[in-house]
Amino acid sequence: MLDFKKGVEESMGFEGSRRFKNFFTRTLNPLNPQEKMNRLILVLATGFGVGYSPVLPGTLGTLLATAIYLFLSEILSPIYELTLVSFFFLSVWISERAEQFFGKKDDQRIVIDEIVGFFVTMLYLEKTLIILVMGFLLFRFFDILKTPFHPAL
């Protein structure tokens, strides 16, 4: 009988073998509910991993927000506003949990604030290409500038 695990370990070398064992162990021992919640919080806080980018994570988070906005903006007006308000409060909660995890206030990996901020920026504007681009550029400008109404933390 073939021993799949042993064969994989031999073909992958020591480092690959260790990674496989970690994956194999994690697969056999599923995450508990708290670990699942923590992973979900980090996935959402980092914009599905966009925040881990070493270059311009906030800008990439806003680009992600642009794509999501194009989808969400099709929702009828009163429902869109309710969705946005709900997402705002959810994102505050998610950001606080992610800050605790990263151990740093306003960590650059947390881009959910860029996503919500872009949604608010575009709330009552026409959905045309020029307005979308101008909204993106102005939002990034003021987010980077950190105006007195939005002080750096």
C-alpha atoms as a PDB file:
ATOM      1  CA  MET A   1       0.000   0.000   0.000  1.00  0.00           C
ATOM      2  CA  LEU A   2       1.308   3.448  -0.886  1.00  0.00           C
ATOM      3  CA  ASP A   3       1.882   5.917   1.930  1.00  0.00           C
ATOM      4  CA  PHE A   4       0.772   9.214   0.366  1.00  0.00           C
ATOM      5  CA  LYS A   5       2.037  11.394   3.211  1.00  0.00           C
ATOM      6  CA  LYS A   6       5.484   9.752   3.222  1.00  0.00           C
ATOM      7  CA  GLY A   7       5.778  10.064  -0.570  1.00  0.00           C
ATOM      8  CA  VAL A   8       4.907  13.768  -0.482  1.00  0.00           C
ATOM      9  CA  GLU A   9       7.375  14.409   2.349  1.00  0.00           C
ATOM     10  CA  GLU A  10      10.206  12.734   0.424  1.00  0.00           C
ATOM     11  CA  SER A  11       9.465  14.579  -2.816  1.00  0.00           C
ATOM     12  CA  MET A  12       9.170  18.011  -1.176  1.00  0.00           C
ATOM     13  CA  GLY A  13      12.313  18.017   0.953  1.00  0.00           C
ATOM     14  CA  PHE A  14      12.457  19.173   4.584  1.00  0.00           C
ATOM     15  CA  GLU A  15      10.843  22.646   4.248  1.00  0.00           C
ATOM     16  CA  GLY A  16       8.079  21.446   1.952  1.00  0.00           C
ATOM     17  CA  SER A  17       7.537  18.487   4.224  1.00  0.00           C
ATOM     18  CA  ARG A  18       7.080  20.786   7.227  1.00  0.00           C
ATOM     19  CA  ARG A  19       4.556  22.932   5.336  1.00  0.00           C
ATOM     20  CA  PHE A  20       2.688  19.840   4.239  1.00  0.00           C
ATOM     21  CA  LYS A  21       2.560  18.551   7.828  1.00  0.00           C
ATOM     22  CA  ASN A  22       1.184  21.908   9.001  1.00  0.00           C
ATOM     23  CA  PHE A  23      -1.450  21.862   6.256  1.00  0.00           C
ATOM     24  CA  PHE A  24      -2.238  18.213   6.874  1.00  0.00           C
ATOM     25  CA  THR A  25      -2.584  18.777  10.623  1.00  0.00           C
ATOM     26  CA  ARG A  26      -4.772  21.870  10.085  1.00  0.00           C
ATOM     27  CA  THR A  27      -6.970  19.900   7.695  1.00  0.00           C
ATOM     28  CA  LEU A  28      -7.432  17.116  10.226  1.00  0.00           C
ATOM     29  CA  ASN A  29      -8.020  19.592  13.066  1.00  0.00           C
ATOM     30  CA  PRO A  30     -10.473  22.175  11.702  1.00  0.00           C
ATOM     31  CA  LEU A  31     -10.462  25.711  13.029  1.00  0.00           C
ATOM     32  CA  ASN A  32     -12.547  26.479  16.063  1.00  0.00           C
ATOM     33  CA  PRO A  33     -15.288  29.137  15.663  1.00  0.00           C
ATOM     34  CA  GLN A  34     -13.126  31.911  17.174  1.00  0.00           C
ATOM     35  CA  GLU A  35     -10.270  31.201  14.744  1.00  0.00           C
ATOM     36  CA  LYS A  36     -12.745  31.232  11.855  1.00  0.00           C
ATOM     37  CA  MET A  37     -14.107  34.610  12.995  1.00  0.00           C
ATOM     38  CA  ASN A  38     -10.579  36.038  13.343  1.00  0.00           C
ATOM     39  CA  ARG A  39      -9.705  34.910   9.823  1.00  0.00           C
ATOM     40  CA  LEU A  40     -12.912  36.402   8.437  1.00  0.00           C
ATOM     41  CA  ILE A  41     -12.181  39.703  10.205  1.00  0.00           C
ATOM     42  CA  LEU A  42      -8.662  39.812   8.733  1.00  0.00           C
ATOM     43  CA  VAL A  43      -9.886  38.918   5.248  1.00  0.00           C
ATOM     44  CA  LEU A  44     -12.450  41.725   5.333  1.00  0.00           C
ATOM     45  CA  ALA A  45     -10.184  44.264   7.077  1.00  0.00           C
ATOM     46  CA  THR A  46      -7.419  43.748   4.536  1.00  0.00           C
ATOM     47  CA  GLY A  47      -9.763  43.930   1.556  1.00  0.00           C
ATOM     48  CA  PHE A  48      -9.467  40.222   0.734  1.00  0.00           C
ATOM     49  CA  GLY A  49      -5.689  40.452   1.186  1.00  0.00           C
ATOM     50  CA  VAL A  50      -5.115  43.635  -0.843  1.00  0.00           C
ATOM     51  CA  GLY A  51      -3.880  45.379   2.314  1.00  0.00           C
ATOM     52  CA  TYR A  52      -0.876  43.041   2.484  1.00  0.00           C
ATOM     53  CA  SER A  53       0.549  44.584  -0.680  1.00  0.00           C
ATOM     54  CA  PRO A  54       3.986  46.077   0.008  1.00  0.00           C
ATOM     55  CA  VAL A  55       3.259  48.892  -2.455  1.00  0.00           C
ATOM     56  CA  LEU A  56       0.315  51.309  -2.079  1.00  0.00           C
ATOM     57  CA  PRO A  57      -2.095  49.134  -0.084  1.00  0.00           C
ATOM     58  CA  GLY A  58      -4.512  52.043   0.439  1.00  0.00           C
ATOM     59  CA  THR A  59      -4.655  52.812  -3.269  1.00  0.00           C
ATOM     60  CA  LEU A  60      -5.187  49.146  -4.084  1.00  0.00           C
ATOM     61  CA  GLY A  61      -7.922  49.033  -1.441  1.00  0.00           C
ATOM     62  CA  THR A  62      -9.603  51.980  -3.146  1.00  0.00           C
ATOM     63  CA  LEU A  63      -9.307  50.226  -6.525  1.00  0.00           C
ATOM     64  CA  LEU A  64     -11.038  47.230  -4.962  1.00  0.00           C
ATOM     65  CA  ALA A  65     -13.696  49.600  -3.608  1.00  0.00           C
ATOM     66  CA  THR A  66     -14.211  50.946  -7.129  1.00  0.00           C
ATOM     67  CA  ALA A  67     -14.937  47.467  -8.450  1.00  0.00           C
ATOM     68  CA  ILE A  68     -17.306  46.706  -5.564  1.00  0.00           C
ATOM     69  CA  TYR A  69     -18.979  50.111  -5.988  1.00  0.00           C
ATOM     70  CA  LEU A  70     -19.761  49.378  -9.643  1.00  0.00           C
ATOM     71  CA  PHE A  71     -21.667  46.309  -8.470  1.00  0.00           C
ATOM     72  CA  LEU A  72     -23.358  47.839  -5.400  1.00  0.00           C
ATOM     73  CA  SER A  73     -24.374  51.077  -7.110  1.00  0.00           C
ATOM     74  CA  GLU A  74     -27.002  49.130  -9.026  1.00  0.00           C
ATOM     75  CA  ILE A  75     -28.982  48.680  -5.792  1.00  0.00           C
ATOM     76  CA  LEU A  76     -31.995  50.982  -5.484  1.00  0.00           C
ATOM     77  CA  SER A  77     -31.415  54.190  -3.541  1.00  0.00           C
ATOM     78  CA  PRO A  78     -32.998  53.611  -0.110  1.00  0.00           C
ATOM     79  CA  ILE A  79     -31.610  50.088   0.105  1.00  0.00           C
ATOM     80  CA  TYR A  80     -28.157  51.280  -0.991  1.00  0.00           C
ATOM     81  CA  GLU A  81     -28.050  53.869   1.797  1.00  0.00           C
ATOM     82  CA  LEU A  82     -29.130  51.293   4.389  1.00  0.00           C
ATOM     83  CA  THR A  83     -26.492  48.893   3.091  1.00  0.00           C
ATOM     84  CA  LEU A  84     -23.860  51.622   3.291  1.00  0.00           C
ATOM     85  CA  VAL A  85     -24.788  52.593   6.868  1.00  0.00           C
ATOM     86  CA  SER A  86     -24.718  48.935   7.917  1.00  0.00           C
ATOM     87  CA  PHE A  87     -21.375  48.405   6.201  1.00  0.00           C
ATOM     88  CA  PHE A  88     -20.004  51.538   7.888  1.00  0.00           C
ATOM     89  CA  PHE A  89     -20.770  50.270  11.397  1.00  0.00           C
ATOM     90  CA  LEU A  90     -19.590  46.754  10.526  1.00  0.00           C
ATOM     91  CA  SER A  91     -16.321  48.152   9.171  1.00  0.00           C
ATOM     92  CA  VAL A  92     -15.718  50.137  12.377  1.00  0.00           C
ATOM     93  CA  TRP A  93     -16.090  46.927  14.383  1.00  0.00           C
ATOM     94  CA  ILE A  94     -13.878  44.980  11.960  1.00  0.00           C
ATOM     95  CA  SER A  95     -11.201  47.710  11.997  1.00  0.00           C
ATOM     96  CA  GLU A  96     -11.067  47.718  15.791  1.00  0.00           C
ATOM     97  CA  ARG A  97     -10.610  43.935  15.888  1.00  0.00           C
ATOM     98  CA  ALA A  98      -7.948  44.062  13.171  1.00  0.00           C
ATOM     99  CA  GLU A  99      -6.074  46.829  15.025  1.00  0.00           C
ATOM    100  CA  GLN A 100      -6.000  44.586  18.098  1.00  0.00           C
ATOM    101  CA  PHE A 101      -4.661  41.719  15.996  1.00  0.00           C
ATOM    102  CA  PHE A 102      -1.964  43.815  14.291  1.00  0.00           C
ATOM    103  CA  GLY A 103      -1.191  45.686  17.516  1.00  0.00           C
ATOM    104  CA  LYS A 104      -1.068  49.017  15.729  1.00  0.00           C
ATOM    105  CA  LYS A 105      -3.547  51.870  15.336  1.00  0.00           C
ATOM    106  CA  ASP A 106      -4.469  52.632  11.693  1.00  0.00           C
ATOM    107  CA  ASP A 107      -2.235  49.868  10.325  1.00  0.00           C
ATOM    108  CA  GLN A 108      -1.694  50.237   6.580  1.00  0.00           C
ATOM    109  CA  ARG A 109      -2.838  46.649   6.028  1.00  0.00           C
ATOM    110  CA  ILE A 110      -6.336  47.634   7.148  1.00  0.00           C
ATOM    111  CA  VAL A 111      -8.005  48.958   3.999  1.00  0.00           C
ATOM    112  CA  ILE A 112     -11.666  48.487   4.870  1.00  0.00           C
ATOM    113  CA  ASP A 113     -11.748  52.196   5.798  1.00  0.00           C
ATOM    114  CA  GLU A 114     -10.682  53.085   2.253  1.00  0.00           C
ATOM    115  CA  ILE A 115     -13.453  50.892   0.886  1.00  0.00           C
ATOM    116  CA  VAL A 116     -16.166  52.492   3.031  1.00  0.00           C
ATOM    117  CA  GLY A 117     -14.724  55.960   2.477  1.00  0.00           C
ATOM    118  CA  PHE A 118     -14.900  55.544  -1.279  1.00  0.00           C
ATOM    119  CA  PHE A 119     -18.504  54.343  -1.037  1.00  0.00           C
ATOM    120  CA  VAL A 120     -19.389  57.470   0.942  1.00  0.00           C
ATOM    121  CA  THR A 121     -17.479  59.646  -1.538  1.00  0.00           C
ATOM    122  CA  MET A 122     -19.511  58.295  -4.437  1.00  0.00           C
ATOM    123  CA  LEU A 123     -22.851  58.155  -2.596  1.00  0.00           C
ATOM    124  CA  TYR A 124     -24.948  60.718  -4.504  1.00  0.00           C
ATOM    125  CA  LEU A 125     -22.739  61.219  -7.562  1.00  0.00           C
ATOM    126  CA  GLU A 126     -23.556  60.178 -11.090  1.00  0.00           C
ATOM    127  CA  LYS A 127     -22.056  56.893 -12.180  1.00  0.00           C
ATOM    128  CA  THR A 128     -19.970  57.982 -15.160  1.00  0.00           C
ATOM    129  CA  LEU A 129     -16.381  57.142 -15.951  1.00  0.00           C
ATOM    130  CA  ILE A 130     -15.106  60.709 -15.447  1.00  0.00           C
ATOM    131  CA  ILE A 131     -16.849  61.078 -12.082  1.00  0.00           C
ATOM    132  CA  LEU A 132     -15.615  57.653 -10.995  1.00  0.00           C
ATOM    133  CA  VAL A 133     -12.012  58.573 -11.860  1.00  0.00           C
ATOM    134  CA  MET A 134     -12.297  62.024 -10.245  1.00  0.00           C
ATOM    135  CA  GLY A 135     -13.869  60.488  -7.124  1.00  0.00           C
ATOM    136  CA  PHE A 136     -11.023  57.968  -6.948  1.00  0.00           C
ATOM    137  CA  LEU A 137      -8.292  60.601  -7.400  1.00  0.00           C
ATOM    138  CA  LEU A 138      -9.803  63.129  -4.991  1.00  0.00           C
ATOM    139  CA  PHE A 139     -10.494  60.467  -2.373  1.00  0.00           C
ATOM    140  CA  ARG A 140      -6.893  59.213  -2.547  1.00  0.00           C
ATOM    141  CA  PHE A 141      -5.549  62.801  -2.449  1.00  0.00           C
ATOM    142  CA  PHE A 142      -7.479  63.722   0.693  1.00  0.00           C
ATOM    143  CA  ASP A 143      -6.859  60.340   2.319  1.00  0.00           C
ATOM    144  CA  ILE A 144      -3.110  60.709   1.835  1.00  0.00           C
ATOM    145  CA  LEU A 145      -3.165  64.389   2.845  1.00  0.00           C
ATOM    146  CA  LYS A 146      -5.030  63.639   6.119  1.00  0.00           C
ATOM    147  CA  THR A 147      -6.941  66.897   6.379  1.00  0.00           C
ATOM    148  CA  PRO A 148      -7.672  68.436   9.811  1.00  0.00           C
ATOM    149  CA  PHE A 149     -11.116  66.837   9.687  1.00  0.00           C
ATOM    150  CA  HIS A 150      -9.417  63.462   9.318  1.00  0.00           C
ATOM    151  CA  PRO A 151      -6.252  63.655  11.450  1.00  0.00           C
ATOM    152  CA  ALA A 152      -3.583  61.004  11.275  1.00  0.00           C
ATOM    153  CA  LEU A 153      -3.870  58.691  14.245  1.00  0.00           C
END
